[in-house]
Amino acid sequence: MKIIDFYVIILLFLITLITYYTANSIVFILIQFFICITISIYTYVLKNNARIDKLTSLYNRKYFDYILSDKLKRLRGRANLALLICDVDN
């Protein structure tokens, strides 16, 4: 996470400098492209950090609830379902 934070800060600084000193449309398009890539990388990392428990390196309860509700919608009325839940961090 620290490397991506550093990457974002440096990239935004460079984008600010380039935008300030140039008004070329190709440069502007490239800047927008790099902003999109940066936001995509940052979003991916944040989503993974939100899903995974740092203590156990397993998916957390919120992600489990999301997956379970999705599976229950798909299986509604078609199959039996058994579920076993263990508390691994206590």
C-alpha atoms as a PDB file:
ATOM      1  CA  MET A   1       0.000   0.000   0.000  1.00  0.00           C
ATOM      2  CA  LYS A   2       2.850   2.413   0.762  1.00  0.00           C
ATOM      3  CA  ILE A   3       4.383   1.973  -2.690  1.00  0.00           C
ATOM      4  CA  ILE A   4       1.105   2.771  -4.411  1.00  0.00           C
ATOM      5  CA  ASP A   5       0.592   5.838  -2.191  1.00  0.00           C
ATOM      6  CA  PHE A   6       4.038   7.081  -3.180  1.00  0.00           C
ATOM      7  CA  TYR A   7       3.292   6.312  -6.836  1.00  0.00           C
ATOM      8  CA  VAL A   8       0.035   8.265  -6.713  1.00  0.00           C
ATOM      9  CA  ILE A   9       1.666  11.303  -5.084  1.00  0.00           C
ATOM     10  CA  ILE A  10       4.505  11.404  -7.613  1.00  0.00           C
ATOM     11  CA  LEU A  11       2.149  10.867 -10.542  1.00  0.00           C
ATOM     12  CA  LEU A  12      -0.221  13.618  -9.445  1.00  0.00           C
ATOM     13  CA  PHE A  13       2.718  15.977  -8.953  1.00  0.00           C
ATOM     14  CA  LEU A  14       4.031  15.242 -12.460  1.00  0.00           C
ATOM     15  CA  ILE A  15       0.567  15.611 -13.941  1.00  0.00           C
ATOM     16  CA  THR A  16       0.211  18.997 -12.290  1.00  0.00           C
ATOM     17  CA  LEU A  17       3.553  20.157 -13.655  1.00  0.00           C
ATOM     18  CA  ILE A  18       2.888  18.885 -17.160  1.00  0.00           C
ATOM     19  CA  THR A  19      -0.591  20.381 -17.236  1.00  0.00           C
ATOM     20  CA  TYR A  20       0.716  23.717 -16.018  1.00  0.00           C
ATOM     21  CA  TYR A  21       3.472  23.983 -18.615  1.00  0.00           C
ATOM     22  CA  THR A  22       1.759  22.463 -21.650  1.00  0.00           C
ATOM     23  CA  ALA A  23      -1.556  22.832 -23.347  1.00  0.00           C
ATOM     24  CA  ASN A  24      -1.091  20.104 -25.968  1.00  0.00           C
ATOM     25  CA  SER A  25      -4.130  17.882 -26.454  1.00  0.00           C
ATOM     26  CA  ILE A  26      -2.027  14.722 -26.873  1.00  0.00           C
ATOM     27  CA  VAL A  27      -0.326  15.382 -23.560  1.00  0.00           C
ATOM     28  CA  PHE A  28      -3.705  15.991 -21.975  1.00  0.00           C
ATOM     29  CA  ILE A  29      -5.023  12.661 -23.315  1.00  0.00           C
ATOM     30  CA  LEU A  30      -1.940  10.851 -21.996  1.00  0.00           C
ATOM     31  CA  ILE A  31      -2.390  12.497 -18.624  1.00  0.00           C
ATOM     32  CA  GLN A  32      -6.002  11.358 -18.491  1.00  0.00           C
ATOM     33  CA  PHE A  33      -4.914   7.846 -19.454  1.00  0.00           C
ATOM     34  CA  PHE A  34      -2.371   7.700 -16.626  1.00  0.00           C
ATOM     35  CA  ILE A  35      -4.918   9.063 -14.181  1.00  0.00           C
ATOM     36  CA  CYS A  36      -7.326   6.277 -15.163  1.00  0.00           C
ATOM     37  CA  ILE A  37      -4.627   3.638 -14.725  1.00  0.00           C
ATOM     38  CA  THR A  38      -3.667   5.040 -11.328  1.00  0.00           C
ATOM     39  CA  ILE A  39      -7.243   5.115 -10.121  1.00  0.00           C
ATOM     40  CA  SER A  40      -7.789   1.552 -11.370  1.00  0.00           C
ATOM     41  CA  ILE A  41      -4.737   0.259  -9.520  1.00  0.00           C
ATOM     42  CA  TYR A  42      -5.649   2.133  -6.374  1.00  0.00           C
ATOM     43  CA  THR A  43      -9.258   0.894  -6.497  1.00  0.00           C
ATOM     44  CA  TYR A  44      -8.106  -2.708  -6.957  1.00  0.00           C
ATOM     45  CA  VAL A  45      -5.795  -2.495  -3.945  1.00  0.00           C
ATOM     46  CA  LEU A  46      -8.453  -0.862  -1.786  1.00  0.00           C
ATOM     47  CA  LYS A  47     -11.066  -3.467  -2.733  1.00  0.00           C
ATOM     48  CA  ASN A  48      -8.695  -6.289  -1.854  1.00  0.00           C
ATOM     49  CA  ASN A  49      -7.847  -4.650   1.466  1.00  0.00           C
ATOM     50  CA  ALA A  50     -11.551  -4.253   2.218  1.00  0.00           C
ATOM     51  CA  ARG A  51     -12.290  -7.926   1.490  1.00  0.00           C
ATOM     52  CA  ILE A  52      -9.404  -9.639   3.263  1.00  0.00           C
ATOM     53  CA  ASP A  53      -8.863  -9.781   7.019  1.00  0.00           C
ATOM     54  CA  LYS A  54      -5.290  -8.798   7.865  1.00  0.00           C
ATOM     55  CA  LEU A  55      -5.071 -11.116  10.859  1.00  0.00           C
ATOM     56  CA  THR A  56      -6.131 -14.336   9.151  1.00  0.00           C
ATOM     57  CA  SER A  57      -5.581 -13.448   5.464  1.00  0.00           C
ATOM     58  CA  LEU A  58      -9.067 -14.804   4.801  1.00  0.00           C
ATOM     59  CA  TYR A  59     -12.117 -13.084   3.389  1.00  0.00           C
ATOM     60  CA  ASN A  60     -13.959 -11.008   5.978  1.00  0.00           C
ATOM     61  CA  ARG A  61     -17.581 -11.239   7.085  1.00  0.00           C
ATOM     62  CA  LYS A  62     -18.866  -8.522   4.756  1.00  0.00           C
ATOM     63  CA  TYR A  63     -17.476 -10.260   1.681  1.00  0.00           C
ATOM     64  CA  PHE A  64     -18.781 -13.596   2.962  1.00  0.00           C
ATOM     65  CA  ASP A  65     -22.291 -12.114   3.308  1.00  0.00           C
ATOM     66  CA  TYR A  66     -22.096 -10.762  -0.234  1.00  0.00           C
ATOM     67  CA  ILE A  67     -21.036 -14.124  -1.713  1.00  0.00           C
ATOM     68  CA  LEU A  68     -23.555 -16.056   0.381  1.00  0.00           C
ATOM     69  CA  SER A  69     -26.470 -13.884  -0.721  1.00  0.00           C
ATOM     70  CA  ASP A  70     -25.396 -14.268  -4.346  1.00  0.00           C
ATOM     71  CA  LYS A  71     -25.197 -18.064  -4.045  1.00  0.00           C
ATOM     72  CA  LEU A  72     -28.549 -18.264  -2.268  1.00  0.00           C
ATOM     73  CA  LYS A  73     -30.206 -16.292  -5.067  1.00  0.00           C
ATOM     74  CA  ARG A  74     -28.807 -18.748  -7.626  1.00  0.00           C
ATOM     75  CA  LEU A  75     -29.790 -21.857  -5.657  1.00  0.00           C
ATOM     76  CA  ARG A  76     -33.250 -20.701  -4.598  1.00  0.00           C
ATOM     77  CA  GLY A  77     -35.566 -23.703  -4.761  1.00  0.00           C
ATOM     78  CA  ARG A  78     -33.215 -25.892  -6.806  1.00  0.00           C
ATOM     79  CA  ALA A  79     -30.849 -27.502  -4.333  1.00  0.00           C
ATOM     80  CA  ASN A  80     -30.184 -28.138  -0.678  1.00  0.00           C
ATOM     81  CA  LEU A  81     -27.526 -26.104   1.048  1.00  0.00           C
ATOM     82  CA  ALA A  82     -25.362 -26.877   4.077  1.00  0.00           C
ATOM     83  CA  LEU A  83     -23.203 -24.237   5.711  1.00  0.00           C
ATOM     84  CA  LEU A  84     -20.418 -24.553   8.286  1.00  0.00           C
ATOM     85  CA  ILE A  85     -18.954 -21.414   9.862  1.00  0.00           C
ATOM     86  CA  CYS A  86     -15.843 -21.439  12.092  1.00  0.00           C
ATOM     87  CA  ASP A  87     -14.410 -18.546  14.059  1.00  0.00           C
ATOM     88  CA  VAL A  88     -10.686 -18.869  13.344  1.00  0.00           C
ATOM     89  CA  ASP A  89      -9.275 -15.796  15.075  1.00  0.00           C
ATOM     90  CA  ASN A  90     -10.479 -16.516  18.644  1.00  0.00           C
END
